[in-house]
Amino acid sequence: MVEHCGGSKSDGNFVHSLVLTDIASGWTECVAMPVRNQLLVVQGMAKVASDLLFPMLGVDTDNDSAFMNQTVFDYCKELGLEQTRSRVYKKNDQAWVEQKNGSVVRRLVGYGRLSGRAATQTLARLYAVSRLYINFFQPSFKLQSKTRDGARLSKTYHPPMTPCDRLLALPNVAETTKARLREQFTSLDPVRLLQEIRATQNTLAGLAETATHEHAPPAPVTDVATFLSGLSRAWQDGEVRPTHRPQPGAKHWWRTRADPFEHPWPVLEQWLENESTVTAKEMMDRLAADFSDRGR
């Protein structure tokens, strides 16, 4: 569960993201929820199960009350899903899922505050497009083994692969499932998917910056050729993700320490007016002699 509260949790409801990750392949699905609710968690799991091209066999969650309740338990029992939870105070039990909070959700959505129906719908549109781009075109590393020699920990990784490629390489995945994955992969255009992601991110960033979240500003519409030509120059402008915008800060006008020349400065100005050829060393010697009784 990822909270889009914009930092400190102020009053009011804000949007949540339900993140589900397949441990074997790294396939990641995200669901936008307007509030934190166990019924919405069940609906999100049902939606993900219908979108997946392979069967969901179980649900492994942490000890959040949104997951540890009778509603989720009855849903898993009805569908024959094996439900497990992490050990108490052992957050690394969910490391496979938690790492997607930063590499997927935060990189796509950012850290702004999202609330209301418009923000939830826009976030859902973003996840509908990004799930295809991430799972079919974004390779990632997967840990193969790790060995410890004293205080030194050495890790070995498999060659980077996309979640789709990992599913195709697994021997226990049905051939019918692999055929559907190949068919869907050939029908996708990564450039068009990335264009839709950027346009939706622009709308989402506008929602995060405005006080009223019920009306989304229109997303910029560009053709694929214009979008593609701009990718080669995007690195020159720095961060290209629309959801990562620098926030204006207050101008620093106040002093953080006492001014050491507060009292000697009028004397210095008089010396400079009367003696334009005096050197800085001579002025410092005079100041040391005249203001020695006042301390440094």
Protein backbone atom coordinates (compact mmCIF):
# COMPACT_ATOMS: atom_id res chain seq x y z
CA MET A 1 0.00 0.00 0.00
CA VAL A 2 1.38 3.41 -1.03
CA GLU A 3 -0.15 6.58 0.41
CA HIS A 4 -0.27 9.69 -1.79
CA CYS A 5 -0.59 12.12 1.13
CA GLY A 6 2.03 14.61 -0.04
CA GLY A 7 4.28 14.27 3.01
CA SER A 8 2.66 14.76 6.39
CA LYS A 9 -0.78 13.22 6.79
CA SER A 10 -3.16 16.14 7.13
CA ASP A 11 -6.89 15.87 7.60
CA GLY A 12 -9.07 14.50 4.82
CA ASN A 13 -8.87 11.46 2.60
CA PHE A 14 -6.18 10.89 0.02
CA VAL A 15 -5.58 8.38 -2.75
CA HIS A 16 -3.85 5.04 -2.10
CA SER A 17 -2.11 2.68 -4.50
CA LEU A 18 -2.47 -1.05 -4.02
CA VAL A 19 0.67 -2.73 -5.39
CA LEU A 20 0.83 -6.44 -6.22
CA THR A 21 4.03 -8.13 -7.44
CA ASP A 22 4.59 -11.67 -8.66
CA ILE A 23 7.74 -12.92 -6.95
CA ALA A 24 8.74 -15.41 -9.65
CA SER A 25 8.64 -13.01 -12.61
CA GLY A 26 8.51 -9.53 -11.09
CA TRP A 27 5.19 -8.79 -12.87
CA THR A 28 3.73 -5.73 -11.15
CA GLU A 29 0.16 -4.50 -11.03
CA CYS A 30 -1.04 -1.28 -9.37
CA VAL A 31 -4.59 -0.27 -8.46
CA ALA A 32 -5.73 3.26 -7.57
CA MET A 33 -8.07 3.52 -4.58
CA PRO A 34 -9.78 6.77 -3.47
CA VAL A 35 -9.55 5.80 0.22
CA ARG A 36 -8.09 3.06 2.38
CA ASN A 37 -10.81 0.44 2.60
CA GLN A 38 -10.86 -3.35 2.85
CA LEU A 39 -13.71 -3.66 0.34
CA LEU A 40 -11.68 -1.67 -2.19
CA VAL A 41 -8.71 -3.95 -1.52
CA VAL A 42 -10.83 -6.98 -2.46
CA GLN A 43 -12.12 -5.20 -5.57
CA GLY A 44 -8.54 -4.31 -6.51
CA MET A 45 -7.39 -7.91 -6.14
CA ALA A 46 -10.32 -9.09 -8.25
CA LYS A 47 -9.46 -6.57 -10.97
CA VAL A 48 -5.82 -7.64 -11.03
CA ALA A 49 -6.82 -11.32 -11.17
CA SER A 50 -8.99 -10.59 -14.22
CA ASP A 51 -6.19 -8.65 -15.97
CA LEU A 52 -3.47 -11.23 -15.39
CA LEU A 53 -2.71 -13.70 -18.16
CA PHE A 54 -1.67 -16.30 -15.59
CA PRO A 55 -3.65 -17.54 -12.56
CA MET A 56 -3.26 -15.97 -9.11
CA LEU A 57 -2.41 -18.75 -6.66
CA GLY A 58 -1.99 -16.89 -3.38
CA VAL A 59 -1.76 -13.57 -1.59
CA ASP A 60 1.17 -12.68 0.67
CA THR A 61 0.64 -9.44 2.59
CA ASP A 62 2.03 -7.58 5.55
CA ASN A 63 0.12 -7.10 8.80
CA ASP A 64 -1.78 -4.03 7.67
CA SER A 65 -5.37 -4.01 8.91
CA ALA A 66 -6.47 -3.33 5.32
CA PHE A 67 -5.31 -6.90 4.52
CA MET A 68 -5.71 -8.70 7.84
CA ASN A 69 -9.52 -8.70 8.09
CA GLN A 70 -12.50 -10.96 7.55
CA THR A 71 -13.37 -9.47 4.15
CA VAL A 72 -10.02 -10.30 2.58
CA PHE A 73 -9.94 -13.68 4.34
CA ASP A 74 -13.35 -14.67 2.95
CA TYR A 75 -12.36 -13.54 -0.55
CA CYS A 76 -9.19 -15.66 -0.53
CA LYS A 77 -11.02 -18.65 0.94
CA GLU A 78 -13.81 -18.43 -1.64
CA LEU A 79 -11.35 -18.42 -4.58
CA GLY A 80 -8.98 -20.96 -3.06
CA LEU A 81 -6.10 -18.48 -2.68
CA GLU A 82 -3.45 -19.28 -0.11
CA GLN A 83 -3.17 -16.28 2.22
CA THR A 84 -0.06 -15.63 4.29
CA ARG A 85 1.24 -12.65 6.22
CA SER A 86 4.67 -11.38 7.18
CA ARG A 87 6.18 -12.01 10.57
CA VAL A 88 5.80 -9.33 13.19
CA TYR A 89 8.50 -6.63 12.89
CA LYS A 90 10.05 -8.45 9.89
CA LYS A 91 9.40 -5.97 7.09
CA ASN A 92 11.93 -7.65 4.81
CA ASP A 93 9.41 -10.47 4.36
CA GLN A 94 7.71 -8.15 1.87
CA ALA A 95 10.89 -6.81 0.24
CA TRP A 96 9.81 -7.98 -3.24
CA VAL A 97 6.70 -5.83 -3.06
CA GLU A 98 8.07 -2.87 -1.11
CA GLN A 99 10.88 -2.26 -3.60
CA LYS A 100 8.26 -1.55 -6.29
CA ASN A 101 6.95 1.36 -4.21
CA GLY A 102 10.00 3.38 -5.23
CA SER A 103 11.00 1.89 -8.58
CA VAL A 104 7.46 1.88 -10.01
CA VAL A 105 4.91 3.92 -8.05
CA ARG A 106 7.05 6.86 -6.91
CA ARG A 107 8.86 7.12 -10.24
CA LEU A 108 5.52 7.26 -12.03
CA VAL A 109 3.40 9.27 -9.61
CA GLY A 110 5.88 11.24 -7.51
CA TYR A 111 5.29 12.43 -3.95
CA GLY A 112 2.50 14.99 -4.38
CA ARG A 113 -0.82 14.85 -2.56
CA LEU A 114 -3.69 13.29 -4.51
CA SER A 115 -7.30 13.23 -3.37
CA GLY A 116 -10.74 13.12 -4.92
CA ARG A 117 -12.45 11.31 -7.75
CA ALA A 118 -10.58 13.06 -10.57
CA ALA A 119 -7.16 12.17 -9.12
CA THR A 120 -8.22 8.53 -8.61
CA GLN A 121 -9.48 8.21 -12.18
CA THR A 122 -6.36 9.84 -13.62
CA LEU A 123 -4.11 7.58 -11.56
CA ALA A 124 -6.10 4.54 -12.74
CA ARG A 125 -5.55 5.61 -16.37
CA LEU A 126 -1.84 5.96 -15.69
CA TYR A 127 -1.63 2.46 -14.20
CA ALA A 128 -3.63 0.98 -17.09
CA VAL A 129 -0.96 2.16 -19.55
CA SER A 130 2.14 1.79 -17.38
CA ARG A 131 1.42 -1.86 -16.52
CA LEU A 132 1.93 -2.75 -20.19
CA TYR A 133 5.07 -0.65 -20.55
CA ILE A 134 6.69 -1.92 -17.34
CA ASN A 135 5.84 -5.61 -17.65
CA PHE A 136 6.58 -5.97 -21.36
CA PHE A 137 9.38 -3.48 -22.04
CA GLN A 138 11.21 -2.64 -18.80
CA PRO A 139 13.96 -5.17 -17.87
CA SER A 140 15.02 -5.50 -14.25
CA PHE A 141 17.57 -7.47 -12.25
CA LYS A 142 16.62 -10.45 -10.13
CA LEU A 143 18.79 -11.73 -7.31
CA GLN A 144 20.29 -15.18 -7.97
CA SER A 145 22.36 -15.75 -4.83
CA LYS A 146 24.24 -13.96 -2.08
CA THR A 147 27.16 -15.05 0.06
CA ARG A 148 28.56 -13.49 3.22
CA ASP A 149 32.28 -13.45 4.04
CA GLY A 150 32.57 -11.80 7.42
CA ALA A 151 31.18 -8.29 7.06
CA ARG A 152 31.29 -8.43 3.25
CA LEU A 153 28.13 -9.44 1.37
CA SER A 154 28.46 -10.51 -2.27
CA LYS A 155 25.39 -10.69 -4.51
CA THR A 156 24.97 -12.38 -7.88
CA TYR A 157 22.16 -11.38 -10.24
CA HIS A 158 20.50 -13.04 -13.19
CA PRO A 159 20.81 -11.21 -16.52
CA PRO A 160 18.22 -8.39 -16.69
CA MET A 161 14.91 -9.50 -18.19
CA THR A 162 11.40 -8.12 -18.46
CA PRO A 163 8.64 -9.79 -16.42
CA CYS A 164 7.17 -11.04 -19.70
CA ASP A 165 10.49 -12.68 -20.68
CA ARG A 166 10.76 -14.34 -17.26
CA LEU A 167 7.27 -15.81 -17.63
CA LEU A 168 8.15 -17.14 -21.08
CA ALA A 169 11.29 -18.75 -19.65
CA LEU A 170 9.54 -20.49 -16.75
CA PRO A 171 8.89 -24.18 -17.51
CA ASN A 172 5.80 -24.44 -15.28
CA VAL A 173 3.88 -21.75 -17.19
CA ALA A 174 1.29 -23.20 -19.58
CA GLU A 175 1.97 -22.91 -23.31
CA THR A 176 -1.43 -21.29 -23.82
CA THR A 177 -0.42 -18.54 -21.39
CA LYS A 178 2.88 -18.06 -23.20
CA ALA A 179 1.09 -17.81 -26.53
CA ARG A 180 -1.22 -15.09 -25.15
CA LEU A 181 1.79 -13.20 -23.80
CA ARG A 182 3.54 -13.29 -27.19
CA GLU A 183 0.38 -12.20 -28.95
CA GLN A 184 -0.13 -9.23 -26.63
CA PHE A 185 3.55 -8.26 -26.85
CA THR A 186 3.48 -8.05 -30.65
CA SER A 187 0.41 -5.79 -30.52
CA LEU A 188 2.05 -3.14 -28.28
CA ASP A 189 3.92 0.00 -29.34
CA PRO A 190 6.33 1.14 -26.59
CA VAL A 191 6.65 4.67 -27.98
CA ARG A 192 2.90 5.20 -27.98
CA LEU A 193 2.64 3.75 -24.47
CA LEU A 194 5.35 6.11 -23.22
CA GLN A 195 3.58 9.04 -24.88
CA GLU A 196 0.34 8.19 -23.07
CA ILE A 197 2.22 7.82 -19.78
CA ARG A 198 3.78 11.28 -20.11
CA ALA A 199 0.46 12.90 -21.04
CA THR A 200 -1.30 11.32 -18.06
CA GLN A 201 1.55 12.30 -15.76
CA ASN A 202 1.11 15.93 -16.84
CA THR A 203 -2.53 15.79 -15.81
CA LEU A 204 -1.66 14.08 -12.54
CA ALA A 205 1.03 16.66 -11.73
CA GLY A 206 -1.51 19.43 -12.28
CA LEU A 207 -3.91 17.76 -9.87
CA ALA A 208 -1.20 17.45 -7.23
CA GLU A 209 -0.36 21.17 -7.47
CA THR A 210 -3.89 22.56 -7.28
CA ALA A 211 -5.97 22.92 -4.14
CA THR A 212 -9.14 21.63 -5.82
CA HIS A 213 -8.78 18.12 -7.17
CA GLU A 214 -12.18 17.64 -8.75
CA HIS A 215 -11.35 19.19 -12.15
CA ALA A 216 -8.31 17.99 -14.03
CA PRO A 217 -6.51 20.35 -16.44
CA PRO A 218 -6.37 19.11 -20.03
CA ALA A 219 -3.35 17.01 -20.91
CA PRO A 220 -1.13 18.25 -23.75
CA VAL A 221 -1.83 16.41 -26.97
CA THR A 222 1.08 15.74 -29.30
CA ASP A 223 1.44 13.37 -32.20
CA VAL A 224 3.78 10.39 -31.92
CA ALA A 225 6.33 11.85 -34.35
CA THR A 226 6.70 15.06 -32.32
CA PHE A 227 6.91 13.11 -29.06
CA LEU A 228 9.53 10.74 -30.47
CA SER A 229 11.68 13.57 -31.81
CA GLY A 230 11.68 15.21 -28.39
CA LEU A 231 13.03 12.13 -26.59
CA SER A 232 16.52 12.67 -28.01
CA ARG A 233 16.66 16.15 -26.41
CA ALA A 234 14.90 15.30 -23.15
CA TRP A 235 18.15 14.65 -21.27
CA GLN A 236 19.24 18.27 -21.88
CA ASP A 237 16.34 19.53 -19.76
CA GLY A 238 17.18 17.28 -16.81
CA GLU A 239 14.34 15.30 -15.20
CA VAL A 240 11.72 14.54 -17.86
CA ARG A 241 9.09 13.04 -15.60
CA PRO A 242 6.27 15.57 -15.34
CA THR A 243 5.38 14.51 -11.80
CA HIS A 244 8.81 15.62 -10.51
CA ARG A 245 8.62 19.41 -10.53
CA PRO A 246 10.79 21.63 -8.32
CA GLN A 247 8.72 23.37 -5.69
CA PRO A 248 9.34 27.13 -5.22
CA GLY A 249 10.89 27.89 -1.87
CA ALA A 250 10.85 31.00 0.27
CA LYS A 251 13.62 33.50 -0.49
CA HIS A 252 16.27 33.43 2.24
CA TRP A 253 16.58 37.03 3.39
CA TRP A 254 17.24 36.68 7.12
CA ARG A 255 20.57 36.29 8.91
CA THR A 256 21.46 33.09 10.72
CA ARG A 257 24.35 34.63 12.70
CA ALA A 258 25.38 38.00 14.11
CA ASP A 259 26.97 40.52 11.73
CA PRO A 260 30.65 40.93 12.86
CA PHE A 261 30.89 44.36 11.12
CA GLU A 262 27.70 45.82 12.58
CA HIS A 263 29.57 48.35 14.80
CA PRO A 264 32.85 48.89 12.87
CA TRP A 265 31.19 49.40 9.49
CA PRO A 266 30.42 53.15 9.88
CA VAL A 267 34.05 53.67 10.88
CA LEU A 268 35.26 51.75 7.83
CA GLU A 269 33.12 53.87 5.53
CA GLN A 270 34.58 57.05 7.04
CA TRP A 271 38.13 55.78 6.56
CA LEU A 272 37.47 54.90 2.92
CA GLU A 273 36.03 58.35 2.23
CA ASN A 274 38.93 60.17 3.85
CA GLU A 275 41.77 57.91 2.75
CA SER A 276 41.08 56.26 -0.61
CA THR A 277 44.59 54.74 -0.79
CA VAL A 278 44.44 52.85 2.50
CA THR A 279 45.03 49.08 2.15
CA ALA A 280 42.90 46.31 3.59
CA LYS A 281 45.74 45.19 5.87
CA GLU A 282 46.12 48.65 7.35
CA MET A 283 42.37 48.86 7.97
CA MET A 284 42.35 45.50 9.74
CA ASP A 285 45.25 46.59 11.97
CA ARG A 286 43.37 49.78 12.89
CA LEU A 287 40.19 47.81 13.64
CA ALA A 288 42.11 45.39 15.84
CA ALA A 289 43.56 48.26 17.81
CA ASP A 290 40.39 50.38 18.07
CA PHE A 291 37.91 47.57 18.81
CA SER A 292 40.13 45.21 20.81
CA ASP A 293 38.19 45.95 23.98
CA ARG A 294 34.90 44.78 22.40
CA GLY A 295 36.11 41.28 21.62
CA ARG A 296 36.28 39.52 18.25
